[in-house]
Protein backbone atom coordinates (compact mmCIF):
# COMPACT_ATOMS: atom_id res chain seq x y z
CA UNK A 1 102.87 103.55 144.34
CA UNK A 2 105.07 103.64 147.48
CA UNK A 3 104.81 106.36 149.86
CA UNK A 4 108.42 107.23 149.11
CA UNK A 5 107.70 108.37 145.76
CA UNK A 6 107.90 112.05 145.37
CA UNK A 7 106.72 114.44 142.60
CA UNK A 8 109.54 115.79 140.55
CA UNK A 9 107.23 117.92 138.20
CA UNK A 10 103.76 118.16 137.10
CA UNK A 11 101.53 120.22 134.91
CA UNK A 12 98.75 120.25 132.14
CA UNK A 13 99.73 120.67 128.76
CA UNK A 14 95.94 121.40 127.92
CA UNK A 15 95.61 125.08 127.65
CA UNK A 16 92.57 127.33 126.33
CA UNK A 17 95.45 129.08 123.88
CA UNK A 18 98.53 127.65 121.74
CA UNK A 19 99.90 128.46 118.32
CA UNK A 20 98.95 126.77 115.10
CA UNK A 21 102.79 125.59 114.46
CA UNK A 22 102.13 121.92 115.77
CA UNK A 23 99.03 121.49 113.45
CA UNK A 24 101.09 122.98 110.44
CA UNK A 25 103.98 120.63 111.26
CA UNK A 26 101.55 117.54 111.39
CA UNK A 27 100.21 118.79 107.99
CA UNK A 28 103.66 119.00 106.52
CA UNK A 29 104.63 115.66 107.93
CA UNK A 30 101.73 113.96 106.31
CA UNK A 31 102.20 115.82 103.05
CA UNK A 32 98.81 117.42 103.01
CA UNK A 33 98.79 120.15 100.28
CA UNK A 34 98.69 123.91 101.00
CA UNK A 35 95.24 124.13 99.49
CA UNK A 36 93.97 121.34 101.57
CA UNK A 37 95.60 122.55 104.67
CA UNK A 38 93.76 126.00 104.10
CA UNK A 39 90.36 124.42 103.78
CA UNK A 40 90.78 122.64 106.94
CA UNK A 41 91.97 125.81 108.62
CA UNK A 42 88.99 127.58 107.41
CA UNK A 43 86.67 124.83 108.38
CA UNK A 44 87.51 125.41 112.05
CA UNK A 45 86.73 128.99 111.76
CA UNK A 46 90.23 130.23 111.32
CA UNK A 47 91.49 132.67 108.69
CA UNK A 48 93.36 131.35 105.53
CA UNK A 49 96.17 133.48 106.35
CA UNK A 50 96.85 131.64 109.68
CA UNK A 51 98.38 128.94 107.54
CA UNK A 52 101.51 131.38 106.83
CA UNK A 53 101.73 132.20 110.25
CA UNK A 54 103.06 129.67 112.61
CA UNK A 55 102.72 131.90 115.72
CA UNK A 56 98.92 132.48 114.91
CA UNK A 57 97.07 131.77 118.27
CA UNK A 58 94.19 129.23 118.26
CA UNK A 59 92.16 127.46 120.89
CA UNK A 60 92.66 123.97 122.29
CA UNK A 61 89.04 122.94 120.60
CA UNK A 62 90.36 124.28 117.52
CA UNK A 63 93.62 122.40 117.53
CA UNK A 64 91.67 119.24 118.27
CA UNK A 65 88.93 119.86 115.72
CA UNK A 66 91.97 120.29 113.07
CA UNK A 67 93.74 117.01 114.18
CA UNK A 68 90.47 115.25 113.65
CA UNK A 69 89.95 116.65 110.21
CA UNK A 70 93.53 115.61 109.55
CA UNK A 71 92.97 111.97 110.68
CA UNK A 72 89.72 111.75 108.78
CA UNK A 73 91.47 112.82 105.56
CA UNK A 74 94.08 110.57 105.81
CA UNK A 75 94.11 107.84 103.32
CA UNK A 76 96.15 105.09 104.97
CA UNK A 77 95.67 101.66 106.56
CA UNK A 78 97.96 102.53 109.35
CA UNK A 79 96.64 102.67 113.01
CA UNK A 80 96.90 105.95 114.98
CA UNK A 81 99.42 104.41 117.28
CA UNK A 82 101.60 103.22 114.10
CA UNK A 83 101.29 106.45 112.64
CA UNK A 84 102.44 108.41 115.68
CA UNK A 85 105.33 106.18 116.30
CA UNK A 86 106.36 106.41 112.68
CA UNK A 87 106.39 110.19 112.85
CA UNK A 88 108.03 110.48 116.23
CA UNK A 89 111.14 108.63 114.65
CA UNK A 90 112.01 111.90 113.20
CA UNK A 91 111.60 114.27 116.07
CA UNK A 92 114.22 116.28 117.65
CA UNK A 93 114.28 118.97 120.22
CA UNK A 94 114.21 121.61 117.63
CA UNK A 95 110.96 120.58 116.39
CA UNK A 96 109.38 121.99 119.47
CA UNK A 97 110.34 125.59 118.81
CA UNK A 98 111.45 128.18 121.25
CA UNK A 99 110.11 125.78 124.30
CA UNK A 100 112.37 122.98 122.84
CA UNK A 101 115.50 125.16 122.76
CA UNK A 102 114.94 126.36 126.27
CA UNK A 103 114.78 122.81 127.22
CA UNK A 104 117.82 121.50 125.13
CA UNK A 105 120.17 123.87 126.91
CA UNK A 106 118.72 123.20 130.46
CA UNK A 107 121.32 122.28 132.86
CA UNK A 108 119.59 119.59 134.56
CA UNK A 109 116.66 117.27 133.28
CA UNK A 110 114.19 118.65 136.13
CA UNK A 111 114.65 122.19 134.90
CA UNK A 112 114.12 121.10 131.29
CA UNK A 113 110.88 119.41 132.45
CA UNK A 114 109.64 122.24 134.41
CA UNK A 115 110.16 124.80 131.66
CA UNK A 116 107.92 122.71 129.41
CA UNK A 117 105.23 122.57 131.91
CA UNK A 118 105.52 126.13 133.00
CA UNK A 119 104.55 127.27 129.55
CA UNK A 120 102.08 124.79 128.17
CA UNK A 121 100.65 127.25 125.64
CA UNK A 122 103.81 126.51 123.60
CA UNK A 123 103.93 122.83 124.08
CA UNK A 124 101.01 122.05 121.96
CA UNK A 125 100.11 118.97 123.88
CA UNK A 126 96.94 117.76 125.64
CA UNK A 127 97.88 115.57 128.49
CA UNK A 128 98.23 116.22 132.32
CA UNK A 129 101.72 115.00 133.13
CA UNK A 130 103.05 114.05 136.34
CA UNK A 131 106.86 113.01 137.02
CA UNK A 132 107.44 110.92 139.99
CA UNK A 133 110.49 109.54 141.61
CA UNK A 134 110.30 106.09 142.96
CA UNK A 135 112.95 103.82 144.77
CA UNK A 136 114.51 102.73 141.34
CA UNK A 137 112.69 104.42 138.65
CA UNK A 138 111.53 108.01 137.31
CA UNK A 139 108.12 107.47 135.79
CA UNK A 140 106.03 109.93 133.78
CA UNK A 141 102.32 109.44 133.77
CA UNK A 142 99.98 111.15 131.04
CA UNK A 143 96.34 111.37 131.35
CA UNK A 144 93.75 112.82 129.36
CA UNK A 145 89.84 112.90 129.37
CA UNK A 146 88.13 112.17 125.98
CA UNK A 147 87.40 115.35 124.16
CA UNK A 148 84.08 116.70 123.93
CA UNK A 149 83.55 118.24 120.76
CA UNK A 150 80.11 118.58 118.85
CA UNK A 151 79.26 116.75 115.84
CA UNK A 152 82.04 114.17 116.15
CA UNK A 153 81.11 110.45 116.91
CA UNK A 154 82.27 108.78 120.09
CA UNK A 155 84.63 106.36 117.97
CA UNK A 156 86.31 109.49 116.56
CA UNK A 157 86.69 111.01 119.81
CA UNK A 158 88.40 107.95 121.31
CA UNK A 159 90.64 107.99 118.24
CA UNK A 160 91.66 111.73 118.97
CA UNK A 161 92.29 110.78 122.62
CA UNK A 162 94.51 108.03 121.51
CA UNK A 163 96.30 110.13 118.97
CA UNK A 164 96.93 112.98 121.26
CA UNK A 165 97.78 110.73 124.59
CA UNK A 166 100.40 108.63 122.65
CA UNK A 167 101.71 111.59 120.81
CA UNK A 168 102.32 113.52 124.01
CA UNK A 169 104.05 110.51 125.51
CA UNK A 170 106.52 109.77 122.34
CA UNK A 171 107.10 113.49 122.11
CA UNK A 172 108.25 113.78 125.64
CA UNK A 173 110.63 110.55 125.05
CA UNK A 174 112.07 112.29 121.95
CA UNK A 175 112.74 115.41 124.09
CA UNK A 176 114.47 113.56 126.57
CA UNK A 177 116.59 111.83 123.99
CA UNK A 178 117.63 114.98 122.44
CA UNK A 179 118.15 116.49 125.99
CA UNK A 180 120.13 113.46 127.59
CA UNK A 181 121.54 111.70 124.62
CA UNK A 182 121.23 108.29 123.26
CA UNK A 183 122.50 106.53 126.29
CA UNK A 184 119.35 107.65 128.32
CA UNK A 185 116.41 105.64 126.68
CA UNK A 186 113.33 104.69 128.76
CA UNK A 187 113.30 101.11 130.05
CA UNK A 188 109.79 100.79 129.22
CA UNK A 189 106.66 102.40 128.13
CA UNK A 190 103.02 101.22 128.59
CA UNK A 191 99.89 102.38 126.87
CA UNK A 192 96.26 101.86 127.92
CA UNK A 193 95.15 101.02 124.40
CA UNK A 194 95.07 97.28 122.77
CA UNK A 195 97.87 96.40 120.61
CA UNK A 196 97.17 97.73 117.04
CA UNK A 197 97.26 94.95 114.30
CA UNK A 198 99.97 96.73 112.46
CA UNK A 199 102.27 96.85 115.70
CA UNK A 200 104.69 94.26 114.07
CA UNK A 201 105.62 96.52 111.25
CA UNK A 202 106.42 99.61 113.41
CA UNK A 203 107.65 97.84 116.45
CA UNK A 204 111.37 98.92 115.34
CA UNK A 205 110.42 102.66 115.80
CA UNK A 206 109.80 102.25 119.53
CA UNK A 207 112.72 103.34 121.72
CA UNK A 208 112.03 100.59 124.19
CA UNK A 209 109.54 97.38 125.00
CA UNK A 210 105.92 98.74 124.88
CA UNK A 211 103.37 97.08 127.05
CA UNK A 212 99.74 97.55 125.76
CA UNK A 213 96.35 97.20 127.61
CA UNK A 214 97.98 98.68 130.62
CA UNK A 215 96.54 100.90 133.31
CA UNK A 216 98.06 104.16 132.14
CA UNK A 217 100.20 106.01 129.55
CA UNK A 218 103.55 105.93 131.42
CA UNK A 219 107.51 105.93 130.65
CA UNK A 220 109.94 104.59 132.98
CA UNK A 221 113.63 105.78 133.32
CA UNK A 222 116.40 104.53 135.59
CA UNK A 223 116.98 107.04 138.60
CA UNK A 224 120.56 107.63 137.12
CA UNK A 225 119.05 109.97 134.47
CA UNK A 226 118.46 112.59 137.00
CA UNK A 227 122.19 112.91 137.93
CA UNK A 228 123.26 112.95 134.35
CA UNK A 229 124.25 116.08 132.66
CA UNK A 230 122.13 117.23 129.74
CA UNK A 231 124.59 116.91 126.60
CA UNK A 232 123.89 120.62 125.40
CA UNK A 233 123.85 122.29 129.12
CA UNK A 234 124.51 126.03 128.72
CA UNK A 235 123.19 128.39 131.37
CA UNK A 236 123.33 131.31 129.05
CA UNK A 237 121.46 129.75 126.24
CA UNK A 238 119.05 128.38 128.56
CA UNK A 239 118.36 131.73 130.19
CA UNK A 240 117.94 133.31 126.51
CA UNK A 241 115.41 130.97 125.27
CA UNK A 242 113.43 130.74 128.59
CA UNK A 243 112.96 134.52 128.58
CA UNK A 244 111.78 134.30 124.88
CA UNK A 245 109.34 131.61 125.69
CA UNK A 246 107.95 133.61 128.88
CA UNK A 247 107.42 136.56 126.57
CA UNK A 248 105.87 134.60 123.86
CA UNK A 249 103.69 132.66 126.52
CA UNK A 250 102.62 135.95 127.89
CA UNK A 251 101.56 137.35 124.51
CA UNK A 252 99.39 134.28 124.11
CA UNK A 253 97.68 135.00 127.33
CA UNK A 254 97.07 138.54 126.92
CA UNK A 255 93.09 138.05 126.41
CA UNK A 256 93.15 135.35 129.22
CA UNK A 257 92.08 136.74 132.77
CA UNK A 258 94.39 136.83 135.76
CA UNK A 259 92.15 134.04 137.26
CA UNK A 260 92.96 131.58 134.42
CA UNK A 261 96.73 132.77 134.48
CA UNK A 262 97.08 132.19 138.43
CA UNK A 263 95.14 128.76 137.99
CA UNK A 264 97.70 127.62 135.16
CA UNK A 265 100.70 128.27 137.48
CA UNK A 266 98.88 126.49 140.38
CA UNK A 267 98.21 123.34 138.34
CA UNK A 268 101.75 123.55 137.03
CA UNK A 269 103.46 122.44 140.50
CA UNK A 270 102.73 119.81 142.98
CA UNK A 271 102.23 121.28 145.61
CA UNK A 272 101.15 124.45 144.02
CA UNK A 273 103.26 127.55 144.18
CA UNK A 274 102.95 129.84 146.97
CA UNK A 275 101.44 133.26 146.72
CA UNK A 276 104.79 135.19 146.43
CA UNK A 277 106.03 132.59 143.76
CA UNK A 278 102.86 133.31 141.85
CA UNK A 279 103.17 137.09 142.15
CA UNK A 280 106.63 136.73 141.00
CA UNK A 281 106.03 134.83 137.80
CA UNK A 282 103.37 137.22 136.93
CA UNK A 283 105.71 140.14 137.37
CA UNK A 284 103.47 141.87 140.20
CA UNK A 285 103.39 142.29 144.03
CA UNK A 286 101.43 140.12 146.15
CA UNK A 287 99.12 143.17 147.06
CA UNK A 288 98.28 143.86 143.37
CA UNK A 289 97.98 140.19 142.66
CA UNK A 290 95.39 139.98 145.62
CA UNK A 291 93.68 143.40 144.27
CA UNK A 292 93.19 142.05 140.79
CA UNK A 293 91.84 138.75 141.79
CA UNK A 294 89.56 140.24 144.04
CA UNK A 295 88.34 142.48 141.16
CA UNK A 296 87.67 139.20 139.24
CA UNK A 297 85.68 137.70 142.07
CA UNK A 298 88.19 135.26 143.42
CA UNK A 299 91.23 135.10 145.48
CA UNK A 300 94.66 133.13 145.58
CA UNK A 301 93.44 131.15 148.58
CA UNK A 302 90.15 130.07 146.55
CA UNK A 303 92.15 129.14 143.64
CA UNK A 304 94.72 127.16 145.70
CA UNK A 305 91.93 125.25 147.50
CA UNK A 306 90.23 124.29 144.24
CA UNK A 307 93.36 123.03 142.74
CA UNK A 308 94.27 121.03 145.77
CA UNK A 309 90.63 119.56 146.21
CA UNK A 310 90.40 118.74 142.51
CA UNK A 311 93.89 116.92 142.70
CA UNK A 312 92.93 115.13 146.01
CA UNK A 313 89.81 113.77 144.22
CA UNK A 314 91.95 112.50 141.35
CA UNK A 315 94.15 110.63 143.84
CA UNK A 316 91.38 109.48 145.75
CA UNK A 317 89.85 107.86 142.71
CA UNK A 318 92.95 105.38 142.72
CA UNK A 319 92.43 103.24 145.59
CA UNK A 320 96.02 102.21 145.89
CA UNK A 321 96.72 105.55 147.41
CA UNK A 322 96.34 105.90 151.11
CA UNK A 323 95.18 109.29 152.63
CA UNK A 324 98.72 109.46 154.20
CA UNK A 325 100.48 109.13 150.82
CA UNK A 326 97.94 111.76 149.19
CA UNK A 327 98.54 114.14 151.93
CA UNK A 328 102.34 113.80 151.32
CA UNK A 329 102.04 114.16 147.58
CA UNK A 330 99.79 117.23 148.06
CA UNK A 331 102.47 119.05 150.60
CA UNK A 332 100.38 118.72 153.59
CA UNK A 333 102.40 118.38 156.85
CA UNK A 334 100.10 115.69 158.47
CA UNK A 335 97.34 113.52 157.08
CA UNK A 336 94.94 115.05 159.61
CA UNK A 337 95.65 118.60 158.15
CA UNK A 338 94.76 117.28 154.69
CA UNK A 339 91.52 115.47 155.89
CA UNK A 340 90.45 118.84 157.50
CA UNK A 341 91.26 121.09 154.32
CA UNK A 342 89.39 118.46 152.31
CA UNK A 343 86.22 118.34 154.36
CA UNK A 344 86.13 121.75 154.58
CA UNK A 345 85.94 122.13 150.67
CA UNK A 346 83.80 119.19 150.07
CA UNK A 347 81.82 118.31 153.47
CA UNK A 348 83.22 114.81 153.35
CA UNK A 349 86.42 113.22 154.84
CA UNK A 350 88.58 112.06 152.14
CA UNK A 351 87.59 108.26 152.80
CA UNK A 352 84.10 109.08 152.89
CA UNK A 353 84.27 110.96 149.66
CA UNK A 354 86.19 107.91 148.22
CA UNK A 355 83.32 105.46 149.28
CA UNK A 356 80.41 107.50 148.33
CA UNK A 357 81.56 109.51 145.32
CA UNK A 358 84.91 108.40 144.20
CA UNK A 359 83.73 106.03 141.44
CA UNK A 360 80.77 108.18 140.31
CA UNK A 361 81.79 111.85 140.84
CA UNK A 362 81.57 113.30 137.46
CA UNK A 363 81.65 117.02 138.58
CA UNK A 364 85.31 117.99 138.24
CA UNK A 365 84.51 121.12 136.06
CA UNK A 366 87.17 123.81 136.86
CA UNK A 367 84.81 126.98 137.07
CA UNK A 368 87.94 129.08 137.16
CA UNK A 369 89.74 128.23 133.96
CA UNK A 370 88.58 127.12 130.52
CA UNK A 371 91.88 125.59 129.67
CA UNK A 372 91.95 122.31 131.52
CA UNK A 373 89.97 119.04 130.51
CA UNK A 374 86.46 119.55 131.75
CA UNK A 375 83.82 117.00 132.67
CA UNK A 376 79.86 117.33 132.30
């Protein structure tokens, strides 16, 4: 990636809490009976009445367990990738609830993307997303660790990861289409999975050429899409639905401690938001934020350093990135400043960490928030 690339938006759709709405939508799309749906809901430890309440809060693991049950119950010869592309052909922005409406009326594509990533509890996804601007393309990269769920085979876990990753990608593509119009389709899509045997039967559902067996799940758009005006742009409607999304997101996070809430906001932007911006998002003063974090045994600085270090490790694992490029991406003024900060946190310079641990380090557990992909 060229050093001229810059991050437009980034965030993680995998959160500890979300609503059951997307699962109910999947059950409906696949024509699973109400009784069958209720049995599945109960099998993951949820009450039967959750079926009647699309806003019922569920955990990320419950969401994944439900998707796995649905995939197990499907009597079809279609591959997971084919299923996703067939379903995605029917998606519009309205299918994504209040967050979709907030995106629909955004005045710029960047604002629409940032709204989606700012309220991951309402987005229902599982991927970490980074949108970058290069010299000629806007690239969105989707990554997801293989889920770790007890009692589920490795084969089923990989199928689950494929489903979630591809669904997040094609859902995002459908969102952009609804926001920007038919004239702004991606030029190409890459997927890190082999070509499914039934791809010729569903190829027509793809919005552009698909490259399989790629290094990453990515979509590519011409840079001109950034300057285009969303077809439904409306400042008042956007502010209205964004306010509703913020309130609903806050209600889902009521039983989440402040440490996790701050961590989510830090992960949502690259570089992370400053202390004052975080306090503003959480509707409190900087002094109150500091006091409450101290009561939970941490601080903004600790959380900031943790997020920056984890991001740096992720970039260092990709040997195509130089230390200078990583420092620039993370918002450091000079590579030397980044090197000192990284060494303070890890005991190693970035290059030494890359050489000694970059390929084998598997200790990326986020001790501050349960809402992000974990590694043993």
